Amino acid sequence: MIFRKAEFMISAVKPQQYPEGIRPELAVSGRSNVGKSSLINKLVNRKALAKVGKTPGKTQMINFFNINDEWYLVDLPGYGYAKVPQETRMQWGKMMQTYFRLRENLKGVIQLVDIRHQPTDEDRLMMEMLKVNNIPVLVVATKADKIARGQRPKYLKIIAESFKMSDWKTIIPFSSEDATGLQELNQAMDDIIFPDAEDKSGE
């Protein structure tokens, strides 16, 4: 997949604010400090398309990006930050449920987890939410550069077991620092967004 164009469209809270659902859509989900913004910026080869916040949990809106005038990349608000009030967490849950339930053009979600740590209760809750809504999930283990290549399978197996995944090899280890997994993630995204295309990247 080649990112010829990547531009911010809108930050939304309510369905009325979503862009018109006429294009395929792929969302990115994860904890507040898992590296969502860094992953998005690495994907599109831009330094600050998605803003890397100094305060985890600060962004509580759904951010839509126009990619190549062909599809939408969606940055979902991070979760799991301890200092976020309980009321805010409940609002986040309702916002996510509404988005997952109503967004018919959503083709899948890239679920990020830190490769160094076992998935949290919030991570498992998100996975369950996606399962209930029948949304395809691509699990990506971020910060892979922090773990030696030979040790990664051990950590990926822990993640797979926590998520009750049958094959840990479907998890993509990724690093925004050294581009580990970038090619594999691009291909996996292509397969989700354009499942009927022979090679969308060459256009």
C-alpha atoms as a PDB file:
ATOM      1  CA  MET A   1       0.000   0.000   0.000  1.00  0.00           C
ATOM      2  CA  ILE A   2       1.307   3.428  -0.972  1.00  0.00           C
ATOM      3  CA  PHE A   3       0.126   6.475   0.954  1.00  0.00           C
ATOM      4  CA  ARG A   4       0.013   9.188  -1.700  1.00  0.00           C
ATOM      5  CA  LYS A   5      -2.260  11.450   0.316  1.00  0.00           C
ATOM      6  CA  ALA A   6      -3.043  11.617   4.017  1.00  0.00           C
ATOM      7  CA  GLU A   7      -4.976  14.470   5.531  1.00  0.00           C
ATOM      8  CA  PHE A   8      -6.944  15.104   8.705  1.00  0.00           C
ATOM      9  CA  MET A   9     -10.680  15.376   8.142  1.00  0.00           C
ATOM     10  CA  ILE A  10     -12.582  15.782  11.399  1.00  0.00           C
ATOM     11  CA  SER A  11     -12.710  14.914  15.097  1.00  0.00           C
ATOM     12  CA  ALA A  12     -16.078  13.414  15.950  1.00  0.00           C
ATOM     13  CA  VAL A  13     -18.010  12.418  19.036  1.00  0.00           C
ATOM     14  CA  LYS A  14     -21.498  11.858  17.616  1.00  0.00           C
ATOM     15  CA  PRO A  15     -22.536   9.896  14.501  1.00  0.00           C
ATOM     16  CA  GLN A  16     -23.807  13.103  12.906  1.00  0.00           C
ATOM     17  CA  GLN A  17     -20.197  14.296  12.819  1.00  0.00           C
ATOM     18  CA  TYR A  18     -18.810  11.207  11.051  1.00  0.00           C
ATOM     19  CA  PRO A  19     -17.767  11.651   7.406  1.00  0.00           C
ATOM     20  CA  GLU A  20     -20.190  10.185   4.906  1.00  0.00           C
ATOM     21  CA  GLY A  21     -19.700   6.413   4.961  1.00  0.00           C
ATOM     22  CA  ILE A  22     -19.068   5.933   1.252  1.00  0.00           C
ATOM     23  CA  ARG A  23     -15.474   4.674   1.498  1.00  0.00           C
ATOM     24  CA  PRO A  24     -13.879   1.697   3.241  1.00  0.00           C
ATOM     25  CA  GLU A  25     -12.690   2.487   6.746  1.00  0.00           C
ATOM     26  CA  LEU A  26     -10.000   1.028   8.993  1.00  0.00           C
ATOM     27  CA  ALA A  27      -9.646   2.055  12.633  1.00  0.00           C
ATOM     28  CA  VAL A  28      -6.724   1.929  15.072  1.00  0.00           C
ATOM     29  CA  SER A  29      -7.396   1.112  18.714  1.00  0.00           C
ATOM     30  CA  GLY A  30      -5.262   0.743  21.829  1.00  0.00           C
ATOM     31  CA  ARG A  31      -4.268   2.014  25.235  1.00  0.00           C
ATOM     32  CA  SER A  32      -3.306   5.654  25.643  1.00  0.00           C
ATOM     33  CA  ASN A  33       0.436   4.943  25.790  1.00  0.00           C
ATOM     34  CA  VAL A  34       0.670   2.057  23.299  1.00  0.00           C
ATOM     35  CA  GLY A  35       1.940   4.161  20.403  1.00  0.00           C
ATOM     36  CA  LYS A  36      -1.117   4.721  18.208  1.00  0.00           C
ATOM     37  CA  SER A  37      -0.076   8.133  16.927  1.00  0.00           C
ATOM     38  CA  SER A  38       3.478   6.969  16.253  1.00  0.00           C
ATOM     39  CA  LEU A  39       2.181   3.986  14.280  1.00  0.00           C
ATOM     40  CA  ILE A  40      -0.140   6.149  12.199  1.00  0.00           C
ATOM     41  CA  ASN A  41       2.615   8.662  11.466  1.00  0.00           C
ATOM     42  CA  LYS A  42       4.972   5.852  10.462  1.00  0.00           C
ATOM     43  CA  LEU A  43       2.376   4.315   8.166  1.00  0.00           C
ATOM     44  CA  VAL A  44       1.735   7.520   6.250  1.00  0.00           C
ATOM     45  CA  ASN A  45       5.385   8.636   6.456  1.00  0.00           C
ATOM     46  CA  ARG A  46       4.490  11.912   8.128  1.00  0.00           C
ATOM     47  CA  LYS A  47       5.971  13.308  11.336  1.00  0.00           C
ATOM     48  CA  ALA A  48       2.831  14.761  12.855  1.00  0.00           C
ATOM     49  CA  LEU A  49      -0.335  13.769  10.994  1.00  0.00           C
ATOM     50  CA  ALA A  50      -1.524  12.197  14.222  1.00  0.00           C
ATOM     51  CA  LYS A  51      -0.436  14.271  17.190  1.00  0.00           C
ATOM     52  CA  VAL A  52       1.594  12.479  19.839  1.00  0.00           C
ATOM     53  CA  GLY A  53       0.171  13.822  23.079  1.00  0.00           C
ATOM     54  CA  LYS A  54       2.327  14.513  26.111  1.00  0.00           C
ATOM     55  CA  THR A  55      -0.584  13.631  28.371  1.00  0.00           C
ATOM     56  CA  PRO A  56      -1.920  10.082  27.849  1.00  0.00           C
ATOM     57  CA  GLY A  57      -5.701   9.803  27.687  1.00  0.00           C
ATOM     58  CA  LYS A  58      -6.196  13.433  26.714  1.00  0.00           C
ATOM     59  CA  THR A  59      -7.722  12.791  23.289  1.00  0.00           C
ATOM     60  CA  GLN A  60     -11.312  11.651  23.733  1.00  0.00           C
ATOM     61  CA  MET A  61     -12.611  12.020  20.185  1.00  0.00           C
ATOM     62  CA  ILE A  62     -12.638   9.852  17.065  1.00  0.00           C
ATOM     63  CA  ASN A  63     -10.219  11.304  14.512  1.00  0.00           C
ATOM     64  CA  PHE A  64     -10.844  10.626  10.818  1.00  0.00           C
ATOM     65  CA  PHE A  65      -8.139  10.849   8.155  1.00  0.00           C
ATOM     66  CA  ASN A  66      -8.605  10.808   4.386  1.00  0.00           C
ATOM     67  CA  ILE A  67      -6.188   8.400   2.703  1.00  0.00           C
ATOM     68  CA  ASN A  68      -5.577   8.711  -1.053  1.00  0.00           C
ATOM     69  CA  ASP A  69      -9.179   9.939  -1.490  1.00  0.00           C
ATOM     70  CA  GLU A  70     -10.018   6.219  -1.360  1.00  0.00           C
ATOM     71  CA  TRP A  71     -10.527   5.220   2.261  1.00  0.00           C
ATOM     72  CA  TYR A  72     -10.588   6.498   5.835  1.00  0.00           C
ATOM     73  CA  LEU A  73      -8.070   5.783   8.562  1.00  0.00           C
ATOM     74  CA  VAL A  74      -9.602   6.328  11.984  1.00  0.00           C
ATOM     75  CA  ASP A  75      -7.710   7.033  15.200  1.00  0.00           C
ATOM     76  CA  LEU A  76      -9.913   5.868  18.072  1.00  0.00           C
ATOM     77  CA  PRO A  77      -9.467   7.543  21.489  1.00  0.00           C
ATOM     78  CA  GLY A  78      -7.002   5.773  23.743  1.00  0.00           C
ATOM     79  CA  TYR A  79      -8.210   3.986  26.837  1.00  0.00           C
ATOM     80  CA  GLY A  80      -6.872   2.679  30.127  1.00  0.00           C
ATOM     81  CA  TYR A  81      -5.283   5.859  31.472  1.00  0.00           C
ATOM     82  CA  ALA A  82      -5.672   5.814  35.252  1.00  0.00           C
ATOM     83  CA  LYS A  83      -6.250   9.553  35.703  1.00  0.00           C
ATOM     84  CA  VAL A  84      -9.284   9.656  33.399  1.00  0.00           C
ATOM     85  CA  PRO A  85     -12.465  10.010  35.512  1.00  0.00           C
ATOM     86  CA  GLN A  86     -14.878   7.075  35.615  1.00  0.00           C
ATOM     87  CA  GLU A  87     -17.575   9.183  33.947  1.00  0.00           C
ATOM     88  CA  THR A  88     -15.238   9.845  31.021  1.00  0.00           C
ATOM     89  CA  ARG A  89     -14.518   6.136  30.697  1.00  0.00           C
ATOM     90  CA  MET A  90     -18.232   5.381  30.550  1.00  0.00           C
ATOM     91  CA  GLN A  91     -18.718   8.029  27.871  1.00  0.00           C
ATOM     92  CA  TRP A  92     -15.843   6.506  25.935  1.00  0.00           C
ATOM     93  CA  GLY A  93     -17.484   3.082  26.094  1.00  0.00           C
ATOM     94  CA  LYS A  94     -20.795   4.425  24.797  1.00  0.00           C
ATOM     95  CA  MET A  95     -19.039   6.341  22.010  1.00  0.00           C
ATOM     96  CA  MET A  96     -17.163   3.222  20.892  1.00  0.00           C
ATOM     97  CA  GLN A  97     -20.264   1.038  20.981  1.00  0.00           C
ATOM     98  CA  THR A  98     -22.161   3.566  18.886  1.00  0.00           C
ATOM     99  CA  TYR A  99     -19.332   3.826  16.363  1.00  0.00           C
ATOM    100  CA  PHE A 100     -18.918   0.053  16.029  1.00  0.00           C
ATOM    101  CA  ARG A 101     -22.650  -0.542  15.769  1.00  0.00           C
ATOM    102  CA  LEU A 102     -23.470   2.165  13.222  1.00  0.00           C
ATOM    103  CA  ARG A 103     -20.391   2.396  11.012  1.00  0.00           C
ATOM    104  CA  GLU A 104     -21.273  -0.064   8.235  1.00  0.00           C
ATOM    105  CA  ASN A 105     -18.244   0.869   6.098  1.00  0.00           C
ATOM    106  CA  LEU A 106     -15.833  -0.136   8.893  1.00  0.00           C
ATOM    107  CA  LYS A 107     -13.819  -3.024   7.448  1.00  0.00           C
ATOM    108  CA  GLY A 108     -11.713  -3.799  10.489  1.00  0.00           C
ATOM    109  CA  VAL A 109      -9.779  -2.577  13.521  1.00  0.00           C
ATOM    110  CA  ILE A 110      -6.043  -2.652  14.150  1.00  0.00           C
ATOM    111  CA  GLN A 111      -5.817  -3.483  17.839  1.00  0.00           C
ATOM    112  CA  LEU A 112      -2.515  -2.369  19.359  1.00  0.00           C
ATOM    113  CA  VAL A 113      -0.874  -3.909  22.412  1.00  0.00           C
ATOM    114  CA  ASP A 114       2.558  -3.349  23.913  1.00  0.00           C
ATOM    115  CA  ILE A 115       4.615  -6.452  23.095  1.00  0.00           C
ATOM    116  CA  ARG A 116       6.372  -6.208  26.458  1.00  0.00           C
ATOM    117  CA  HIS A 117       3.243  -6.601  28.579  1.00  0.00           C
ATOM    118  CA  GLN A 118       0.341  -8.990  28.863  1.00  0.00           C
ATOM    119  CA  PRO A 119      -2.902  -7.422  27.553  1.00  0.00           C
ATOM    120  CA  THR A 120      -4.862  -5.560  30.209  1.00  0.00           C
ATOM    121  CA  ASP A 121      -8.501  -5.960  31.195  1.00  0.00           C
ATOM    122  CA  GLU A 122      -9.267  -2.936  28.986  1.00  0.00           C
ATOM    123  CA  ASP A 123      -7.514  -4.586  26.031  1.00  0.00           C
ATOM    124  CA  ARG A 124      -9.559  -7.745  26.490  1.00  0.00           C
ATOM    125  CA  LEU A 125     -12.737  -5.693  26.861  1.00  0.00           C
ATOM    126  CA  MET A 126     -12.025  -3.956  23.557  1.00  0.00           C
ATOM    127  CA  MET A 127     -11.412  -7.293  21.845  1.00  0.00           C
ATOM    128  CA  GLU A 128     -14.692  -8.597  23.215  1.00  0.00           C
ATOM    129  CA  MET A 129     -16.494  -5.456  22.029  1.00  0.00           C
ATOM    130  CA  LEU A 130     -15.125  -5.990  18.524  1.00  0.00           C
ATOM    131  CA  LYS A 131     -16.089  -9.665  18.582  1.00  0.00           C
ATOM    132  CA  VAL A 132     -19.651  -8.906  19.669  1.00  0.00           C
ATOM    133  CA  ASN A 133     -19.963  -6.425  16.808  1.00  0.00           C
ATOM    134  CA  ASN A 134     -18.490  -8.917  14.296  1.00  0.00           C
ATOM    135  CA  ILE A 135     -15.642  -6.594  13.355  1.00  0.00           C
ATOM    136  CA  PRO A 136     -12.443  -8.182  11.940  1.00  0.00           C
ATOM    137  CA  VAL A 137      -9.405  -7.530  14.132  1.00  0.00           C
ATOM    138  CA  LEU A 138      -5.729  -7.295  13.233  1.00  0.00           C
ATOM    139  CA  VAL A 139      -3.590  -7.494  16.378  1.00  0.00           C
ATOM    140  CA  VAL A 140      -0.331  -5.528  16.259  1.00  0.00           C
ATOM    141  CA  ALA A 141       2.288  -5.710  19.014  1.00  0.00           C
ATOM    142  CA  THR A 142       4.012  -2.329  19.243  1.00  0.00           C
ATOM    143  CA  LYS A 143       7.469  -1.387  20.550  1.00  0.00           C
ATOM    144  CA  ALA A 144       8.950  -4.579  19.101  1.00  0.00           C
ATOM    145  CA  ASP A 145      12.383  -2.940  18.963  1.00  0.00           C
ATOM    146  CA  LYS A 146      12.494  -3.244  22.759  1.00  0.00           C
ATOM    147  CA  ILE A 147      12.526  -7.050  22.497  1.00  0.00           C
ATOM    148  CA  ALA A 148      15.231  -9.129  20.784  1.00  0.00           C
ATOM    149  CA  ARG A 149      13.963 -10.793  17.608  1.00  0.00           C
ATOM    150  CA  GLY A 150      14.541 -14.285  18.975  1.00  0.00           C
ATOM    151  CA  GLN A 151      12.524 -13.509  22.105  1.00  0.00           C
ATOM    152  CA  ARG A 152       9.475 -12.053  20.347  1.00  0.00           C
ATOM    153  CA  PRO A 153       7.587 -15.346  19.809  1.00  0.00           C
ATOM    154  CA  LYS A 154       7.480 -15.872  23.577  1.00  0.00           C
ATOM    155  CA  TYR A 155       5.796 -12.511  24.097  1.00  0.00           C
ATOM    156  CA  LEU A 156       3.470 -12.917  21.118  1.00  0.00           C
ATOM    157  CA  LYS A 157       2.281 -16.263  22.478  1.00  0.00           C
ATOM    158  CA  ILE A 158       1.368 -14.590  25.786  1.00  0.00           C
ATOM    159  CA  ILE A 159      -0.673 -11.984  23.919  1.00  0.00           C
ATOM    160  CA  ALA A 160      -2.394 -14.633  21.791  1.00  0.00           C
ATOM    161  CA  GLU A 161      -3.271 -16.713  24.843  1.00  0.00           C
ATOM    162  CA  SER A 162      -4.690 -13.677  26.644  1.00  0.00           C
ATOM    163  CA  PHE A 163      -6.876 -12.845  23.619  1.00  0.00           C
ATOM    164  CA  LYS A 164      -7.797 -16.508  23.075  1.00  0.00           C
ATOM    165  CA  MET A 165      -6.305 -16.429  19.602  1.00  0.00           C
ATOM    166  CA  SER A 166      -5.617 -19.756  17.929  1.00  0.00           C
ATOM    167  CA  ASP A 167      -2.453 -18.654  16.106  1.00  0.00           C
ATOM    168  CA  TRP A 168       0.076 -16.259  17.622  1.00  0.00           C
ATOM    169  CA  LYS A 169       1.779 -15.933  14.232  1.00  0.00           C
ATOM    170  CA  THR A 170      -1.090 -13.740  13.000  1.00  0.00           C
ATOM    171  CA  ILE A 171       0.068 -11.024  15.421  1.00  0.00           C
ATOM    172  CA  ILE A 172       2.344  -8.497  13.725  1.00  0.00           C
ATOM    173  CA  PRO A 173       5.303  -7.253  15.800  1.00  0.00           C
ATOM    174  CA  PHE A 174       5.781  -3.576  14.968  1.00  0.00           C
ATOM    175  CA  SER A 175       8.133  -0.721  15.762  1.00  0.00           C
ATOM    176  CA  SER A 176       7.779   2.890  14.704  1.00  0.00           C
ATOM    177  CA  GLU A 177      11.457   3.347  15.583  1.00  0.00           C
ATOM    178  CA  ASP A 178      13.058   0.879  13.145  1.00  0.00           C
ATOM    179  CA  ALA A 179      10.070   0.028  10.875  1.00  0.00           C
ATOM    180  CA  THR A 180       9.832  -3.559  12.079  1.00  0.00           C
ATOM    181  CA  GLY A 181       6.628  -5.042  10.685  1.00  0.00           C
ATOM    182  CA  LEU A 182       5.794  -2.038   8.505  1.00  0.00           C
ATOM    183  CA  GLN A 183       5.682  -4.014   5.271  1.00  0.00           C
ATOM    184  CA  GLU A 184       3.637  -6.813   6.841  1.00  0.00           C
ATOM    185  CA  LEU A 185       1.175  -4.336   8.342  1.00  0.00           C
ATOM    186  CA  ASN A 186       0.773  -2.532   5.013  1.00  0.00           C
ATOM    187  CA  GLN A 187      -0.041  -5.806   3.273  1.00  0.00           C
ATOM    188  CA  ALA A 188      -2.485  -6.867   5.976  1.00  0.00           C
ATOM    189  CA  MET A 189      -4.250  -3.505   5.761  1.00  0.00           C
ATOM    190  CA  ASP A 190      -4.459  -3.827   1.985  1.00  0.00           C
ATOM    191  CA  ASP A 191      -6.085  -7.239   2.346  1.00  0.00           C
ATOM    192  CA  ILE A 192      -8.695  -5.861   4.738  1.00  0.00           C
ATOM    193  CA  ILE A 193      -9.545  -2.641   2.913  1.00  0.00           C
ATOM    194  CA  PHE A 194      -9.422  -3.959  -0.641  1.00  0.00           C
ATOM    195  CA  PRO A 195     -10.047  -7.720  -0.353  1.00  0.00           C
ATOM    196  CA  ASP A 196     -11.102  -8.035  -3.996  1.00  0.00           C
ATOM    197  CA  ALA A 197      -8.222  -6.069  -5.489  1.00  0.00           C
ATOM    198  CA  GLU A 198      -5.223  -7.894  -6.964  1.00  0.00           C
ATOM    199  CA  ASP A 199      -2.748  -5.172  -6.086  1.00  0.00           C
ATOM    200  CA  LYS A 200      -4.022  -1.804  -4.927  1.00  0.00           C
ATOM    201  CA  SER A 201      -0.538  -0.680  -3.948  1.00  0.00           C
ATOM    202  CA  GLY A 202       0.629  -0.426  -7.534  1.00  0.00           C
ATOM    203  CA  GLU A 203      -1.944   2.108  -8.625  1.00  0.00           C
END
